[in-house]
Amino acid sequence: QVQLVESGGGLVPAGGSLRLSCAASGSIVGVVPMAWYRQAPGKQRELVASISSVGNTVYADSVKGRFDISRDGAKNTVILRMNSLKPEDTAVYYCNVRTALIMAWGQGTQVTVSS
């Protein structure tokens, strides 16, 4: 089994910044692809950013230039730095690991951006 422990999130005014962290542990071999998704009330869960096992990154158009995903030293810990936050970024953010053998989600962390 794989466990994902998320931290960060909270309430921030528009234009502010937040940092989310996700540490994966358990039955993991090597460096795995990791991603952040988010789900706003009444909306489907959507991909925010992902990082491959070799460091390639993908961002949703809505966050390009504002968010940055990276690995934080430990190979299966990822950081999502969120800058210039907007009220529409308000959502529950979920960490995800998906490989051919693994599909795991974190418990979610609330991000609220006030206008």
C-alpha atoms as a PDB file:
ATOM      1  CA  GLN A   1       0.000   0.000   0.000  1.00  0.00           C
ATOM      2  CA  VAL A   2       0.999   3.611  -0.575  1.00  0.00           C
ATOM      3  CA  GLN A   3       0.349   6.416   1.866  1.00  0.00           C
ATOM      4  CA  LEU A   4       0.284  10.069   0.882  1.00  0.00           C
ATOM      5  CA  VAL A   5       0.612  12.685   3.598  1.00  0.00           C
ATOM      6  CA  GLU A   6      -0.272  16.217   2.584  1.00  0.00           C
ATOM      7  CA  SER A   7       0.428  19.435   4.409  1.00  0.00           C
ATOM      8  CA  GLY A   8      -0.076  23.107   3.746  1.00  0.00           C
ATOM      9  CA  GLY A   9      -3.182  24.825   2.523  1.00  0.00           C
ATOM     10  CA  GLY A  10      -5.320  27.308   4.385  1.00  0.00           C
ATOM     11  CA  LEU A  11      -6.900  30.704   3.890  1.00  0.00           C
ATOM     12  CA  VAL A  12      -5.113  33.421   1.941  1.00  0.00           C
ATOM     13  CA  PRO A  13      -6.205  36.696   0.331  1.00  0.00           C
ATOM     14  CA  ALA A  14      -6.228  37.053  -3.430  1.00  0.00           C
ATOM     15  CA  GLY A  15      -2.732  37.653  -4.720  1.00  0.00           C
ATOM     16  CA  GLY A  16      -1.167  35.687  -1.905  1.00  0.00           C
ATOM     17  CA  SER A  17       0.902  32.519  -1.908  1.00  0.00           C
ATOM     18  CA  LEU A  18       0.686  29.069  -0.393  1.00  0.00           C
ATOM     19  CA  ARG A  19       2.876  25.980  -0.360  1.00  0.00           C
ATOM     20  CA  LEU A  20       1.537  22.437  -0.396  1.00  0.00           C
ATOM     21  CA  SER A  21       3.650  19.399   0.379  1.00  0.00           C
ATOM     22  CA  CYS A  22       2.996  15.711  -0.230  1.00  0.00           C
ATOM     23  CA  ALA A  23       5.146  12.836   1.000  1.00  0.00           C
ATOM     24  CA  ALA A  24       4.606   9.354  -0.407  1.00  0.00           C
ATOM     25  CA  SER A  25       5.622   6.267   1.503  1.00  0.00           C
ATOM     26  CA  GLY A  26       4.905   2.549   1.618  1.00  0.00           C
ATOM     27  CA  SER A  27       5.174   0.096  -1.239  1.00  0.00           C
ATOM     28  CA  ILE A  28       7.075   2.339  -3.603  1.00  0.00           C
ATOM     29  CA  VAL A  29      10.145   1.397  -5.594  1.00  0.00           C
ATOM     30  CA  GLY A  30      12.185   4.177  -7.106  1.00  0.00           C
ATOM     31  CA  VAL A  31      10.879   7.586  -8.115  1.00  0.00           C
ATOM     32  CA  VAL A  32       7.220   7.674  -9.057  1.00  0.00           C
ATOM     33  CA  PRO A  33       5.142  10.185 -11.010  1.00  0.00           C
ATOM     34  CA  MET A  34       3.219  12.480  -8.691  1.00  0.00           C
ATOM     35  CA  ALA A  35       0.561  15.079  -9.225  1.00  0.00           C
ATOM     36  CA  TRP A  36      -1.765  17.563  -7.590  1.00  0.00           C
ATOM     37  CA  TYR A  37      -5.453  17.663  -8.435  1.00  0.00           C
ATOM     38  CA  ARG A  38      -8.139  19.926  -7.099  1.00  0.00           C
ATOM     39  CA  GLN A  39     -11.880  19.794  -6.730  1.00  0.00           C
ATOM     40  CA  ALA A  40     -14.073  22.823  -6.176  1.00  0.00           C
ATOM     41  CA  PRO A  41     -17.645  22.500  -4.893  1.00  0.00           C
ATOM     42  CA  GLY A  42     -19.956  21.277  -7.627  1.00  0.00           C
ATOM     43  CA  LYS A  43     -17.098  20.696 -10.056  1.00  0.00           C
ATOM     44  CA  GLN A  44     -15.162  17.694 -11.259  1.00  0.00           C
ATOM     45  CA  ARG A  45     -11.704  16.931  -9.951  1.00  0.00           C
ATOM     46  CA  GLU A  46      -9.092  18.396 -12.280  1.00  0.00           C
ATOM     47  CA  LEU A  47      -5.360  18.087 -12.763  1.00  0.00           C
ATOM     48  CA  VAL A  48      -3.403  21.069 -11.475  1.00  0.00           C
ATOM     49  CA  ALA A  49       0.186  19.971 -12.025  1.00  0.00           C
ATOM     50  CA  SER A  50       2.202  16.791 -12.388  1.00  0.00           C
ATOM     51  CA  ILE A  51       5.840  15.787 -12.297  1.00  0.00           C
ATOM     52  CA  SER A  52       7.178  12.648 -13.933  1.00  0.00           C
ATOM     53  CA  SER A  53       9.763  10.288 -12.538  1.00  0.00           C
ATOM     54  CA  VAL A  54      12.425  12.147 -14.532  1.00  0.00           C
ATOM     55  CA  GLY A  55      11.227  15.624 -13.618  1.00  0.00           C
ATOM     56  CA  ASN A  56       9.071  16.589 -16.562  1.00  0.00           C
ATOM     57  CA  THR A  57       6.228  18.848 -15.496  1.00  0.00           C
ATOM     58  CA  VAL A  58       2.748  19.537 -16.802  1.00  0.00           C
ATOM     59  CA  TYR A  59       0.433  22.342 -15.685  1.00  0.00           C
ATOM     60  CA  ALA A  60      -3.194  23.174 -16.215  1.00  0.00           C
ATOM     61  CA  ASP A  61      -3.545  26.250 -18.399  1.00  0.00           C
ATOM     62  CA  SER A  62      -5.285  28.062 -15.569  1.00  0.00           C
ATOM     63  CA  VAL A  63      -2.219  27.850 -13.305  1.00  0.00           C
ATOM     64  CA  LYS A  64       0.668  28.183 -15.768  1.00  0.00           C
ATOM     65  CA  GLY A  65       3.075  30.901 -14.693  1.00  0.00           C
ATOM     66  CA  ARG A  66       1.637  30.990 -11.170  1.00  0.00           C
ATOM     67  CA  PHE A  67       2.158  27.481  -9.769  1.00  0.00           C
ATOM     68  CA  ASP A  68       5.340  25.447  -9.592  1.00  0.00           C
ATOM     69  CA  ILE A  69       5.651  21.729  -8.840  1.00  0.00           C
ATOM     70  CA  SER A  70       8.971  20.256  -7.764  1.00  0.00           C
ATOM     71  CA  ARG A  71      10.494  17.424  -5.749  1.00  0.00           C
ATOM     72  CA  ASP A  72      11.768  18.443  -2.341  1.00  0.00           C
ATOM     73  CA  GLY A  73      15.022  16.587  -1.903  1.00  0.00           C
ATOM     74  CA  ALA A  74      13.474  13.277  -0.885  1.00  0.00           C
ATOM     75  CA  LYS A  75      12.607  11.617  -4.134  1.00  0.00           C
ATOM     76  CA  ASN A  76       8.940  10.981  -3.455  1.00  0.00           C
ATOM     77  CA  THR A  77       8.067  14.260  -1.793  1.00  0.00           C
ATOM     78  CA  VAL A  78       6.597  16.952  -3.992  1.00  0.00           C
ATOM     79  CA  ILE A  79       5.984  20.618  -3.350  1.00  0.00           C
ATOM     80  CA  LEU A  80       3.368  22.763  -5.046  1.00  0.00           C
ATOM     81  CA  ARG A  81       4.161  26.443  -4.755  1.00  0.00           C
ATOM     82  CA  MET A  82       1.143  28.572  -5.560  1.00  0.00           C
ATOM     83  CA  ASN A  83       1.588  32.275  -6.246  1.00  0.00           C
ATOM     84  CA  SER A  84      -0.762  35.048  -7.327  1.00  0.00           C
ATOM     85  CA  LEU A  85      -3.665  33.050  -6.003  1.00  0.00           C
ATOM     86  CA  LYS A  86      -7.152  33.852  -7.243  1.00  0.00           C
ATOM     87  CA  PRO A  87     -10.558  33.154  -5.684  1.00  0.00           C
ATOM     88  CA  GLU A  88     -11.153  30.599  -8.437  1.00  0.00           C
ATOM     89  CA  ASP A  89      -8.222  28.573  -7.081  1.00  0.00           C
ATOM     90  CA  THR A  90     -10.355  27.783  -4.042  1.00  0.00           C
ATOM     91  CA  ALA A  91     -10.742  24.012  -3.819  1.00  0.00           C
ATOM     92  CA  VAL A  92      -9.688  20.887  -1.999  1.00  0.00           C
ATOM     93  CA  TYR A  93      -6.277  19.911  -3.321  1.00  0.00           C
ATOM     94  CA  TYR A  94      -5.365  16.233  -3.561  1.00  0.00           C
ATOM     95  CA  CYS A  95      -1.989  14.606  -4.011  1.00  0.00           C
ATOM     96  CA  ASN A  96      -1.880  11.644  -6.392  1.00  0.00           C
ATOM     97  CA  VAL A  97       0.477   8.843  -7.320  1.00  0.00           C
ATOM     98  CA  ARG A  98      -0.323   6.748 -10.368  1.00  0.00           C
ATOM     99  CA  THR A  99       1.786   4.037 -11.949  1.00  0.00           C
ATOM    100  CA  ALA A 100       0.986   0.760 -13.664  1.00  0.00           C
ATOM    101  CA  LEU A 101       0.677  -0.825 -10.220  1.00  0.00           C
ATOM    102  CA  ILE A 102      -0.272   2.049  -7.938  1.00  0.00           C
ATOM    103  CA  MET A 103      -3.210   4.424  -7.736  1.00  0.00           C
ATOM    104  CA  ALA A 104      -3.250   6.440  -4.535  1.00  0.00           C
ATOM    105  CA  TRP A 105      -4.796   9.678  -3.302  1.00  0.00           C
ATOM    106  CA  GLY A 106      -4.071  11.864  -0.340  1.00  0.00           C
ATOM    107  CA  GLN A 107      -6.771  12.911   2.079  1.00  0.00           C
ATOM    108  CA  GLY A 108      -7.021  16.390   0.558  1.00  0.00           C
ATOM    109  CA  THR A 109      -6.185  19.808   1.913  1.00  0.00           C
ATOM    110  CA  GLN A 110      -8.412  22.869   1.684  1.00  0.00           C
ATOM    111  CA  VAL A 111      -7.182  25.989  -0.081  1.00  0.00           C
ATOM    112  CA  THR A 112      -9.404  29.040   0.239  1.00  0.00           C
ATOM    113  CA  VAL A 113      -8.617  32.308  -1.520  1.00  0.00           C
ATOM    114  CA  SER A 114     -10.619  35.306  -0.377  1.00  0.00           C
ATOM    115  CA  SER A 115     -11.449  38.144  -2.726  1.00  0.00           C
END
